[in-house]
Amino acid sequence: MNKTQNVMGTKPVFPLLMSMAIPPMVSMLIQSMYNVVDSIFVAQLGEDALTAVSLAFPLQNLVLSAAVGMGIGLNAGIARNIGAGKQDMVNKTATHGIVFTAIHTIIFILIGLFGVKPFFRFFTDDPTVFRWGCQYTYIVICLSFGCLFHIAIEKMFQATGKMVMPMIIQAVGAIINIILDPILIFGLFGFPALKIQGAAIATVVGQISACVLSIIFFCKNSGGIYLKFKNFKFDRQITKQLYMVAIPSGIMTSMPSILVGVLNGIISAVSGTAVAVLGIYFKLQTFVYMPANGVIQGMRPLISYNYGAGLHHRLRQVLKVSVMVSGTIMIFGTILFVGIPEQILAMFNANAEMMRMGVQTLRIIGLGFIVSTIGIVYSGVFESLGRGIESLMISLLRQLVIIVPLSIVFLKSFGIAGVWATFPIAETVSAIIAIFLLKRTMKKMSINFIDQSEKVGRS
């Protein structure tokens, strides 16, 4: 532990940050592949099938939000108790997390059985889109236990410092999904052509495979975490600690889902193609934002440690390097979305109307990537400093509060293009507010970016 602390306080920031960020970057990038791969193959069935999968995205992301929220709560609770040497609390926290994950599984089965049809009726009157959307969503929601459990176990591994194992688990699930998608959708190698249901089955089989692998790894080497279900009783304090982290984290993860659901409601009455294009964008943007979020995962413990150690000048270095690395990723995303949108959309078998609208969409929204660097990095800094309210505020501004009302106004004045323009506007406004909030927070917390040894030398 002393060696780890020394490294976090002394090792050059860039290699230190990258060593901690690359495994979660790869892991999160792999996680984003599930929906994208489904959409690429489903697009071969036609625009109606792609629209159906796009409409399913909010419910799928709701599952991911619940899984990630509880996973982060588990991660924080287990790591904190490991540091305090409270082995019994480590085991109790892990056991509670698994029990709550089982409860979440039952809740999503009920949502799948009773909520899918009303959900799709709200967004579409097209019988084909409705039928395919329900077929796809019943499977991915009712059988979401693989996603829920394997993410919970991955976060427990990360709490003990195992960062590579979750990456392997995610990779196996994604590869299985990619292999099964064309086989089950189009009926290759003697399998029946299940069309959109095949895409859903491929997704859940990939998730369940990752879940089984994570359980095997956990049974072989749990990193000192032991699940004890015998005589289990709910502990109010552990429950509170888990959900105090899980709920805000889940809300932040679910915001894209909420945003897509609201925007689908706004634009579906104007254009079904716009719904499909929005769905494509939200799947593609994960390839930009997921690696950037991996950088934030590597940054958080460095910010927290150096703040606690009083090494404020290193805190500034970590912040600066994190902005540079994340900004580079965002520039790459902008180049792709603005420079080659036609080639990207061609992967989804876009027809002439979808291509025309999609090119415009990717180019307009892509302009906001670079500006969003400030919002995503500063939100991570606020979380590292224990300022969850500020982090949630920035996330709400970026992904909900500004976009929704402006979309309603701009749709009437500028058409669908006006809706897309709200994205870079929201990123710009939230970046300005994030800079103001961070400066105010630094002042309140007496964070001084001057190296104390330099200060002594000058005096």
Protein backbone atom coordinates (compact mmCIF):
# COMPACT_ATOMS: atom_id res chain seq x y z
CA MET A 1 0.00 0.00 0.00
CA ASN A 2 2.85 2.41 0.81
CA LYS A 3 4.39 1.65 -2.57
CA THR A 4 1.06 2.35 -4.30
CA GLN A 5 0.69 5.62 -2.39
CA ASN A 6 4.25 6.63 -3.31
CA VAL A 7 3.58 5.95 -6.99
CA MET A 8 0.37 7.98 -6.98
CA GLY A 9 2.18 10.88 -5.41
CA THR A 10 5.50 10.73 -7.26
CA LYS A 11 5.33 8.90 -10.62
CA PRO A 12 5.15 11.16 -13.72
CA VAL A 13 1.49 11.99 -14.27
CA PHE A 14 1.01 11.02 -17.91
CA PRO A 15 2.29 7.41 -17.73
CA LEU A 16 0.60 7.00 -14.34
CA LEU A 17 -2.75 8.21 -15.67
CA MET A 18 -2.55 6.04 -18.79
CA SER A 19 -1.58 2.93 -16.82
CA MET A 20 -4.73 3.37 -14.73
CA ALA A 21 -6.99 4.52 -17.58
CA ILE A 22 -6.26 2.13 -20.45
CA PRO A 23 -7.92 -1.01 -18.99
CA PRO A 24 -11.22 0.79 -18.20
CA MET A 25 -11.00 2.62 -21.54
CA VAL A 26 -10.82 -0.68 -23.40
CA SER A 27 -13.48 -2.22 -21.17
CA MET A 28 -15.94 0.63 -21.71
CA LEU A 29 -15.25 0.71 -25.43
CA ILE A 30 -16.07 -2.98 -25.63
CA GLN A 31 -19.26 -2.38 -23.62
CA SER A 32 -20.43 0.11 -26.25
CA MET A 33 -20.11 -2.51 -28.99
CA TYR A 34 -23.25 -4.45 -28.05
CA ASN A 35 -25.77 -1.91 -29.35
CA VAL A 36 -23.65 -0.77 -32.29
CA VAL A 37 -23.04 -4.27 -33.64
CA ASP A 38 -26.75 -5.08 -33.30
CA SER A 39 -27.66 -1.94 -35.22
CA ILE A 40 -25.20 -2.56 -38.05
CA PHE A 41 -26.63 -6.02 -38.73
CA VAL A 42 -30.24 -5.07 -37.99
CA ALA A 43 -29.95 -2.21 -40.52
CA GLN A 44 -29.67 -4.86 -43.24
CA LEU A 45 -33.31 -5.73 -42.48
CA GLY A 46 -34.48 -2.20 -43.34
CA GLU A 47 -35.17 1.18 -41.76
CA ASP A 48 -38.16 -0.12 -39.76
CA ALA A 49 -35.94 -2.64 -37.98
CA LEU A 50 -33.32 0.03 -37.24
CA THR A 51 -36.00 2.36 -35.91
CA ALA A 52 -37.31 -0.41 -33.65
CA VAL A 53 -33.87 -1.01 -32.14
CA SER A 54 -33.33 2.75 -31.78
CA LEU A 55 -36.60 3.09 -29.86
CA ALA A 56 -35.48 0.24 -27.58
CA PHE A 57 -32.29 2.10 -26.62
CA PRO A 58 -33.77 3.99 -23.60
CA LEU A 59 -34.94 0.76 -21.96
CA GLN A 60 -31.65 -0.99 -22.69
CA ASN A 61 -29.73 1.95 -21.26
CA LEU A 62 -31.96 1.85 -18.18
CA VAL A 63 -30.66 -1.67 -17.50
CA LEU A 64 -27.09 -0.46 -17.97
CA SER A 65 -27.73 2.49 -15.65
CA ALA A 66 -29.00 0.21 -12.88
CA ALA A 67 -26.05 -2.14 -13.37
CA VAL A 68 -23.40 0.58 -13.43
CA GLY A 69 -25.00 2.50 -10.55
CA MET A 70 -25.00 -0.51 -8.23
CA GLY A 71 -21.56 -1.51 -9.50
CA ILE A 72 -20.06 1.87 -8.62
CA GLY A 73 -21.77 1.74 -5.22
CA LEU A 74 -20.26 -1.70 -4.64
CA ASN A 75 -16.85 -0.53 -5.83
CA ALA A 76 -16.80 2.44 -3.47
CA GLY A 77 -18.14 0.51 -0.46
CA ILE A 78 -15.79 -2.45 -0.86
CA ALA A 79 -12.70 -0.33 -1.55
CA ARG A 80 -13.41 1.92 1.44
CA ASN A 81 -13.79 -1.04 3.80
CA ILE A 82 -10.70 -2.79 2.41
CA GLY A 83 -8.73 0.37 3.14
CA ALA A 84 -10.14 0.47 6.68
CA GLY A 85 -9.28 -3.21 7.23
CA LYS A 86 -12.93 -4.15 7.86
CA GLN A 87 -13.11 -7.58 6.22
CA ASP A 88 -16.52 -8.39 7.63
CA MET A 89 -17.96 -5.19 6.13
CA VAL A 90 -16.29 -5.99 2.80
CA ASN A 91 -18.11 -9.33 2.70
CA LYS A 92 -21.43 -7.87 3.87
CA THR A 93 -21.27 -5.06 1.31
CA ALA A 94 -20.54 -7.48 -1.53
CA THR A 95 -23.34 -9.81 -0.43
CA HIS A 96 -25.82 -6.93 -0.24
CA GLY A 97 -24.80 -5.83 -3.73
CA ILE A 98 -25.48 -9.27 -5.21
CA VAL A 99 -28.84 -9.53 -3.41
CA PHE A 100 -29.88 -6.09 -4.69
CA THR A 101 -28.77 -7.07 -8.20
CA ALA A 102 -31.07 -10.11 -7.99
CA ILE A 103 -33.92 -7.81 -6.94
CA HIS A 104 -33.16 -5.49 -9.87
CA THR A 105 -33.31 -8.53 -12.18
CA ILE A 106 -36.85 -9.32 -11.01
CA ILE A 107 -37.87 -5.67 -11.46
CA PHE A 108 -36.63 -5.66 -15.07
CA ILE A 109 -38.47 -8.91 -15.82
CA LEU A 110 -41.67 -7.19 -14.68
CA ILE A 111 -40.82 -4.10 -16.75
CA GLY A 112 -40.24 -6.32 -19.76
CA LEU A 113 -43.48 -8.23 -19.35
CA PHE A 114 -45.78 -5.30 -18.59
CA GLY A 115 -44.02 -2.14 -19.75
CA VAL A 116 -42.72 -2.83 -23.26
CA LYS A 117 -46.00 -2.57 -25.19
CA PRO A 118 -47.15 0.70 -23.53
CA PHE A 119 -43.64 2.09 -24.09
CA PHE A 120 -43.68 1.42 -27.85
CA ARG A 121 -47.30 2.52 -28.26
CA PHE A 122 -46.24 5.93 -26.96
CA PHE A 123 -43.61 6.35 -29.68
CA THR A 124 -44.97 4.66 -32.82
CA ASP A 125 -48.16 3.78 -34.67
CA ASP A 126 -46.29 1.81 -37.33
CA PRO A 127 -47.32 -1.87 -36.89
CA THR A 128 -44.01 -3.23 -38.18
CA VAL A 129 -41.87 -1.01 -35.95
CA PHE A 130 -44.14 -1.82 -33.00
CA ARG A 131 -43.97 -5.60 -33.57
CA TRP A 132 -40.21 -5.71 -34.11
CA GLY A 133 -39.52 -3.32 -31.26
CA CYS A 134 -41.51 -5.45 -28.83
CA GLN A 135 -39.87 -8.68 -30.05
CA TYR A 136 -36.39 -7.24 -29.56
CA THR A 137 -37.06 -5.50 -26.24
CA TYR A 138 -38.87 -8.38 -24.52
CA ILE A 139 -35.72 -10.47 -24.88
CA VAL A 140 -33.06 -7.90 -23.94
CA ILE A 141 -35.00 -6.62 -20.90
CA CYS A 142 -36.45 -9.85 -19.49
CA LEU A 143 -33.08 -11.61 -19.85
CA SER A 144 -30.95 -8.69 -18.63
CA PHE A 145 -29.62 -10.62 -15.62
CA GLY A 146 -26.37 -11.35 -17.50
CA CYS A 147 -25.62 -7.64 -17.86
CA LEU A 148 -26.66 -6.81 -14.26
CA PHE A 149 -24.60 -9.52 -12.57
CA HIS A 150 -21.45 -9.39 -14.68
CA ILE A 151 -21.09 -5.61 -14.22
CA ALA A 152 -21.58 -5.99 -10.45
CA ILE A 153 -18.84 -8.62 -10.29
CA GLU A 154 -16.53 -6.57 -12.54
CA LYS A 155 -16.80 -3.58 -10.20
CA MET A 156 -15.96 -5.82 -7.25
CA PHE A 157 -12.83 -6.94 -9.07
CA GLN A 158 -11.89 -3.30 -9.72
CA ALA A 159 -12.34 -2.50 -6.02
CA THR A 160 -9.50 -4.94 -5.26
CA GLY A 161 -7.25 -3.42 -7.94
CA LYS A 162 -7.94 -5.99 -10.66
CA MET A 163 -8.40 -3.83 -13.77
CA VAL A 164 -7.45 -6.24 -16.58
CA MET A 165 -9.87 -9.04 -15.69
CA PRO A 166 -13.01 -6.93 -16.35
CA MET A 167 -11.57 -6.01 -19.74
CA ILE A 168 -11.19 -9.71 -20.62
CA ILE A 169 -14.74 -10.45 -19.48
CA GLN A 170 -16.17 -7.62 -21.59
CA ALA A 171 -14.14 -8.71 -24.62
CA VAL A 172 -15.41 -12.29 -24.48
CA GLY A 173 -19.04 -11.13 -24.28
CA ALA A 174 -18.64 -8.70 -27.16
CA ILE A 175 -16.87 -11.22 -29.42
CA ILE A 176 -19.61 -13.80 -28.84
CA ASN A 177 -22.23 -11.16 -29.66
CA ILE A 178 -20.45 -10.19 -32.89
CA ILE A 179 -20.13 -13.82 -34.02
CA LEU A 180 -23.74 -14.72 -33.24
CA ASP A 181 -25.38 -11.60 -34.72
CA PRO A 182 -25.16 -12.51 -38.44
CA ILE A 183 -25.68 -16.21 -37.71
CA LEU A 184 -28.95 -15.71 -35.83
CA ILE A 185 -30.27 -12.69 -37.77
CA PHE A 186 -29.76 -14.11 -41.27
CA GLY A 187 -29.85 -17.84 -40.51
CA LEU A 188 -26.32 -18.97 -41.36
CA PHE A 189 -24.79 -22.46 -40.87
CA GLY A 190 -28.19 -24.15 -40.65
CA PHE A 191 -29.65 -21.85 -37.98
CA PRO A 192 -33.12 -20.37 -38.63
CA ALA A 193 -33.26 -16.70 -39.72
CA LEU A 194 -34.63 -15.06 -36.58
CA LYS A 195 -34.21 -11.49 -37.88
CA ILE A 196 -34.55 -8.89 -35.11
CA GLN A 197 -35.12 -11.56 -32.46
CA GLY A 198 -31.77 -13.04 -33.49
CA ALA A 199 -30.06 -9.75 -32.72
CA ALA A 200 -31.63 -9.69 -29.27
CA ILE A 201 -30.66 -13.32 -28.57
CA ALA A 202 -27.07 -12.64 -29.68
CA THR A 203 -26.91 -9.71 -27.27
CA VAL A 204 -28.17 -11.59 -24.21
CA VAL A 205 -26.06 -14.67 -25.00
CA GLY A 206 -22.98 -12.40 -25.08
CA GLN A 207 -23.98 -10.84 -21.76
CA ILE A 208 -24.76 -14.18 -20.13
CA SER A 209 -21.42 -15.57 -21.36
CA ALA A 210 -19.63 -12.62 -19.75
CA CYS A 211 -21.63 -13.23 -16.58
CA VAL A 212 -20.69 -16.92 -16.44
CA LEU A 213 -17.02 -16.08 -17.05
CA SER A 214 -17.05 -13.43 -14.31
CA ILE A 215 -18.55 -15.94 -11.84
CA ILE A 216 -15.85 -18.50 -12.73
CA PHE A 217 -13.10 -15.91 -12.23
CA PHE A 218 -14.66 -14.77 -8.96
CA CYS A 219 -14.87 -18.33 -7.62
CA LYS A 220 -11.23 -18.97 -8.51
CA ASN A 221 -9.83 -15.71 -7.12
CA SER A 222 -12.21 -13.21 -5.53
CA GLY A 223 -9.43 -10.94 -4.33
CA GLY A 224 -10.34 -11.56 -0.69
CA ILE A 225 -14.09 -10.91 -1.10
CA TYR A 226 -16.40 -13.61 0.25
CA LEU A 227 -20.14 -13.74 -0.28
CA LYS A 228 -22.09 -14.99 2.75
CA PHE A 229 -25.78 -15.62 2.12
CA LYS A 230 -26.38 -17.84 5.16
CA ASN A 231 -28.49 -16.00 7.76
CA PHE A 232 -28.46 -12.93 5.51
CA LYS A 233 -30.25 -9.87 6.87
CA PHE A 234 -30.57 -6.46 5.27
CA ASP A 235 -28.36 -3.87 6.95
CA ARG A 236 -29.88 -0.37 6.79
CA GLN A 237 -26.50 1.39 6.90
CA ILE A 238 -24.98 -0.72 4.11
CA THR A 239 -28.12 -0.29 2.02
CA LYS A 240 -27.96 3.48 2.51
CA GLN A 241 -24.26 3.65 1.61
CA LEU A 242 -24.76 1.58 -1.54
CA TYR A 243 -27.71 3.53 -2.86
CA MET A 244 -26.31 6.94 -1.90
CA VAL A 245 -23.67 6.22 -4.56
CA ALA A 246 -25.75 4.00 -6.86
CA ILE A 247 -28.68 6.37 -7.34
CA PRO A 248 -26.75 9.49 -8.47
CA SER A 249 -24.41 7.34 -10.58
CA GLY A 250 -27.37 5.56 -12.10
CA ILE A 251 -29.10 8.86 -12.83
CA MET A 252 -26.03 10.17 -14.64
CA THR A 253 -25.70 6.96 -16.64
CA SER A 254 -29.41 6.97 -17.48
CA MET A 255 -29.49 10.55 -18.74
CA PRO A 256 -28.77 9.57 -22.37
CA SER A 257 -31.64 7.10 -22.07
CA ILE A 258 -33.98 9.78 -20.73
CA LEU A 259 -32.81 12.25 -23.37
CA VAL A 260 -33.34 9.79 -26.23
CA GLY A 261 -36.80 8.91 -24.93
CA VAL A 262 -37.83 12.57 -24.68
CA LEU A 263 -36.34 13.51 -28.07
CA ASN A 264 -37.97 10.51 -29.71
CA GLY A 265 -41.28 11.80 -28.39
CA ILE A 266 -40.54 15.25 -29.85
CA ILE A 267 -39.31 14.21 -33.31
CA SER A 268 -41.26 10.99 -33.96
CA ALA A 269 -44.34 13.00 -34.97
CA VAL A 270 -42.24 14.81 -37.59
CA SER A 271 -39.99 12.10 -39.01
CA GLY A 272 -39.50 8.38 -38.43
CA THR A 273 -36.15 8.66 -40.20
CA ALA A 274 -35.02 11.21 -37.61
CA VAL A 275 -35.69 8.63 -34.86
CA ALA A 276 -33.48 6.10 -36.66
CA VAL A 277 -30.75 8.71 -37.22
CA LEU A 278 -30.83 9.77 -33.56
CA GLY A 279 -30.51 6.13 -32.56
CA ILE A 280 -27.48 5.70 -34.83
CA TYR A 281 -25.84 8.80 -33.36
CA PHE A 282 -26.28 7.66 -29.77
CA LYS A 283 -24.76 4.30 -30.57
CA LEU A 284 -21.83 5.84 -32.45
CA GLN A 285 -21.08 8.50 -29.83
CA THR A 286 -20.30 5.80 -27.29
CA PHE A 287 -17.12 5.04 -29.26
CA VAL A 288 -16.01 8.61 -28.48
CA TYR A 289 -17.33 9.11 -24.97
CA MET A 290 -16.58 5.64 -23.58
CA PRO A 291 -12.78 5.93 -24.00
CA ALA A 292 -12.96 9.45 -22.55
CA ASN A 293 -14.89 8.08 -19.57
CA GLY A 294 -12.13 5.49 -19.17
CA VAL A 295 -9.68 8.39 -18.74
CA ILE A 296 -11.98 9.79 -16.04
CA GLN A 297 -11.99 6.44 -14.24
CA GLY A 298 -8.21 6.51 -14.18
CA MET A 299 -8.17 10.17 -13.13
CA ARG A 300 -10.55 9.92 -10.13
CA PRO A 301 -8.27 8.07 -7.68
CA LEU A 302 -5.32 10.29 -8.64
CA ILE A 303 -7.29 13.47 -7.95
CA SER A 304 -8.62 12.05 -4.67
CA TYR A 305 -5.23 10.83 -3.47
CA ASN A 306 -3.28 13.97 -4.31
CA TYR A 307 -5.96 16.20 -2.79
CA GLY A 308 -5.90 14.15 0.43
CA ALA A 309 -2.08 14.22 0.48
CA GLY A 310 -2.02 18.00 0.03
CA LEU A 311 -0.17 17.65 -3.29
CA HIS A 312 -2.27 20.30 -5.00
CA HIS A 313 0.30 21.03 -7.68
CA ARG A 314 0.07 17.36 -8.78
CA LEU A 315 -3.71 17.63 -8.71
CA ARG A 316 -3.40 20.41 -11.26
CA GLN A 317 -1.06 18.27 -13.38
CA VAL A 318 -3.52 15.38 -13.32
CA LEU A 319 -6.34 17.74 -14.31
CA LYS A 320 -4.28 19.24 -17.13
CA VAL A 321 -3.17 15.89 -18.55
CA SER A 322 -6.70 14.49 -18.27
CA VAL A 323 -8.07 17.42 -20.27
CA MET A 324 -5.35 16.96 -22.91
CA VAL A 325 -5.92 13.20 -23.28
CA SER A 326 -9.71 13.48 -23.29
CA GLY A 327 -9.52 16.43 -25.68
CA THR A 328 -7.42 14.38 -28.10
CA ILE A 329 -10.08 11.66 -28.09
CA MET A 330 -12.77 14.29 -28.72
CA ILE A 331 -10.81 15.82 -31.61
CA PHE A 332 -10.57 12.36 -33.16
CA GLY A 333 -14.35 11.99 -32.75
CA THR A 334 -14.95 15.36 -34.40
CA ILE A 335 -12.75 14.42 -37.36
CA LEU A 336 -14.72 11.19 -37.86
CA PHE A 337 -18.19 12.72 -37.50
CA VAL A 338 -17.50 15.87 -39.51
CA GLY A 339 -15.06 14.40 -42.03
CA ILE A 340 -16.46 11.01 -43.06
CA PRO A 341 -20.16 10.82 -42.04
CA GLU A 342 -21.12 9.15 -45.34
CA GLN A 343 -18.76 6.24 -44.77
CA ILE A 344 -19.98 5.84 -41.19
CA LEU A 345 -23.65 5.83 -42.20
CA ALA A 346 -22.97 3.37 -45.01
CA MET A 347 -22.30 0.73 -42.33
CA PHE A 348 -25.97 1.04 -41.34
CA ASN A 349 -27.26 0.53 -44.89
CA ALA A 350 -28.65 4.08 -44.95
CA ASN A 351 -31.05 4.92 -47.76
CA ALA A 352 -30.96 8.29 -49.57
CA GLU A 353 -33.15 10.13 -47.04
CA MET A 354 -31.36 8.67 -44.02
CA MET A 355 -27.99 9.46 -45.59
CA ARG A 356 -28.97 13.09 -46.23
CA MET A 357 -30.31 13.62 -42.72
CA GLY A 358 -27.61 11.52 -41.07
CA VAL A 359 -24.73 13.46 -42.64
CA GLN A 360 -26.24 16.72 -41.42
CA THR A 361 -26.84 15.24 -37.95
CA LEU A 362 -23.34 13.87 -37.41
CA ARG A 363 -21.67 17.04 -38.64
CA ILE A 364 -23.74 19.37 -36.45
CA ILE A 365 -23.59 17.31 -33.25
CA GLY A 366 -19.94 16.39 -33.84
CA LEU A 367 -18.98 20.04 -33.47
CA GLY A 368 -19.78 19.79 -29.77
CA PHE A 369 -17.33 16.98 -29.00
CA ILE A 370 -14.27 19.17 -28.38
CA VAL A 371 -16.18 21.56 -26.11
CA SER A 372 -17.61 18.62 -24.13
CA THR A 373 -14.09 17.80 -22.90
CA ILE A 374 -14.48 20.38 -20.13
CA GLY A 375 -17.84 19.05 -19.00
CA ILE A 376 -16.85 15.39 -18.76
CA VAL A 377 -13.44 15.98 -17.13
CA TYR A 378 -14.65 18.56 -14.64
CA SER A 379 -17.60 16.35 -13.66
CA GLY A 380 -15.06 13.65 -12.82
CA VAL A 381 -13.01 16.12 -10.78
CA PHE A 382 -16.08 17.12 -8.76
CA GLU A 383 -16.80 13.44 -8.02
CA SER A 384 -13.19 12.91 -6.94
CA LEU A 385 -13.47 15.81 -4.50
CA GLY A 386 -16.73 14.51 -3.07
CA ARG A 387 -18.81 17.22 -4.76
CA GLY A 388 -21.54 15.04 -6.26
CA ILE A 389 -24.08 17.86 -6.60
CA GLU A 390 -21.83 19.92 -8.87
CA SER A 391 -21.07 16.84 -10.98
CA LEU A 392 -24.75 16.00 -11.36
CA MET A 393 -25.52 19.64 -12.20
CA ILE A 394 -23.02 19.65 -15.08
CA SER A 395 -24.31 16.32 -16.39
CA LEU A 396 -27.91 17.54 -16.28
CA LEU A 397 -26.97 20.70 -18.17
CA ARG A 398 -25.04 18.75 -20.81
CA GLN A 399 -27.60 16.06 -21.44
CA LEU A 400 -31.08 17.22 -20.48
CA VAL A 401 -31.88 20.66 -19.09
CA ILE A 402 -30.73 22.71 -22.11
CA ILE A 403 -31.34 20.30 -24.98
CA VAL A 404 -34.99 19.43 -24.34
CA PRO A 405 -36.58 22.92 -24.12
CA LEU A 406 -34.39 24.29 -26.91
CA SER A 407 -35.32 21.32 -29.12
CA ILE A 408 -39.02 22.13 -28.77
CA VAL A 409 -38.38 25.77 -29.72
CA PHE A 410 -35.82 25.11 -32.46
CA LEU A 411 -37.86 22.34 -34.10
CA LYS A 412 -40.61 24.84 -34.87
CA SER A 413 -38.19 27.49 -36.13
CA PHE A 414 -35.44 25.49 -37.88
CA GLY A 415 -36.80 21.99 -38.36
CA ILE A 416 -34.91 18.80 -37.41
CA ALA A 417 -31.54 20.53 -37.89
CA GLY A 418 -32.48 22.85 -35.03
CA VAL A 419 -32.80 19.86 -32.70
CA TRP A 420 -29.29 18.68 -33.58
CA ALA A 421 -27.91 22.21 -33.01
CA THR A 422 -28.98 22.08 -29.37
CA PHE A 423 -26.25 19.51 -28.63
CA PRO A 424 -23.16 21.75 -29.22
CA ILE A 425 -25.04 24.68 -27.60
CA ALA A 426 -25.61 22.60 -24.44
CA GLU A 427 -21.96 21.52 -24.34
CA THR A 428 -20.75 25.12 -24.66
CA VAL A 429 -23.03 26.47 -21.92
CA SER A 430 -22.25 23.61 -19.53
CA ALA A 431 -18.49 24.02 -20.15
CA ILE A 432 -18.65 27.70 -19.17
CA ILE A 433 -20.63 26.88 -16.03
CA ALA A 434 -18.28 23.98 -15.19
CA ILE A 435 -15.25 26.31 -15.30
CA PHE A 436 -17.01 28.76 -13.00
CA LEU A 437 -18.08 26.02 -10.56
CA LEU A 438 -14.60 24.45 -10.43
CA LYS A 439 -12.95 27.78 -9.69
CA ARG A 440 -15.45 28.42 -6.91
CA THR A 441 -15.00 24.90 -5.53
CA MET A 442 -11.20 25.18 -5.54
CA LYS A 443 -11.46 28.42 -3.60
CA LYS A 444 -13.88 26.95 -1.06
CA MET A 445 -11.71 23.88 -0.54
CA SER A 446 -8.51 25.97 -0.30
CA ILE A 447 -6.85 24.08 -3.14
CA ASN A 448 -3.57 25.79 -3.95
CA PHE A 449 -1.90 24.83 -7.22
CA ILE A 450 1.52 26.15 -6.14
CA ASP A 451 4.08 23.51 -5.20
CA GLN A 452 4.82 24.06 -1.50
CA SER A 453 8.52 23.25 -1.94
CA GLU A 454 8.74 25.92 -4.63
CA LYS A 455 6.94 28.35 -2.37
CA VAL A 456 9.44 27.71 0.44
CA GLY A 457 12.35 28.08 -1.99
CA ARG A 458 11.12 31.48 -3.18
CA SER A 459 10.66 32.68 0.38
